[in-house]
Amino acid sequence: MDEHRAAPRRRLLKAGRISFGGGTIDCTVRNLSETGAALEVSSPVGIPEHFTLVIEPDHIHVPCRVVWRKETRIGVHFET
């Protein structure tokens, strides 16, 4: 299969949080690269276009922009 991403992704299963405007939504980070991630969520409804992805064990707090949405997953691009 051809890879069309700007940076290679690493598959993983790690707890994270979507943080925005004083609220948070739990998520699972399914894959991660230098430029973005795929996040599993219970529902993408109510998740804003821009938010901060927080992965506490790795000390990651990165601003993100949503680039795609599916039934229980969203893809984000890191805005660094």
Foldseek 3Di string as FASTA:
>chain_A
DDDDDPWDKDADWAWKWWDDDNDIFIWTFGIDTPWWTKIFHQACPPRDQWTWIGRPVVRGTFIWGWDDDDGGMTIITTDD
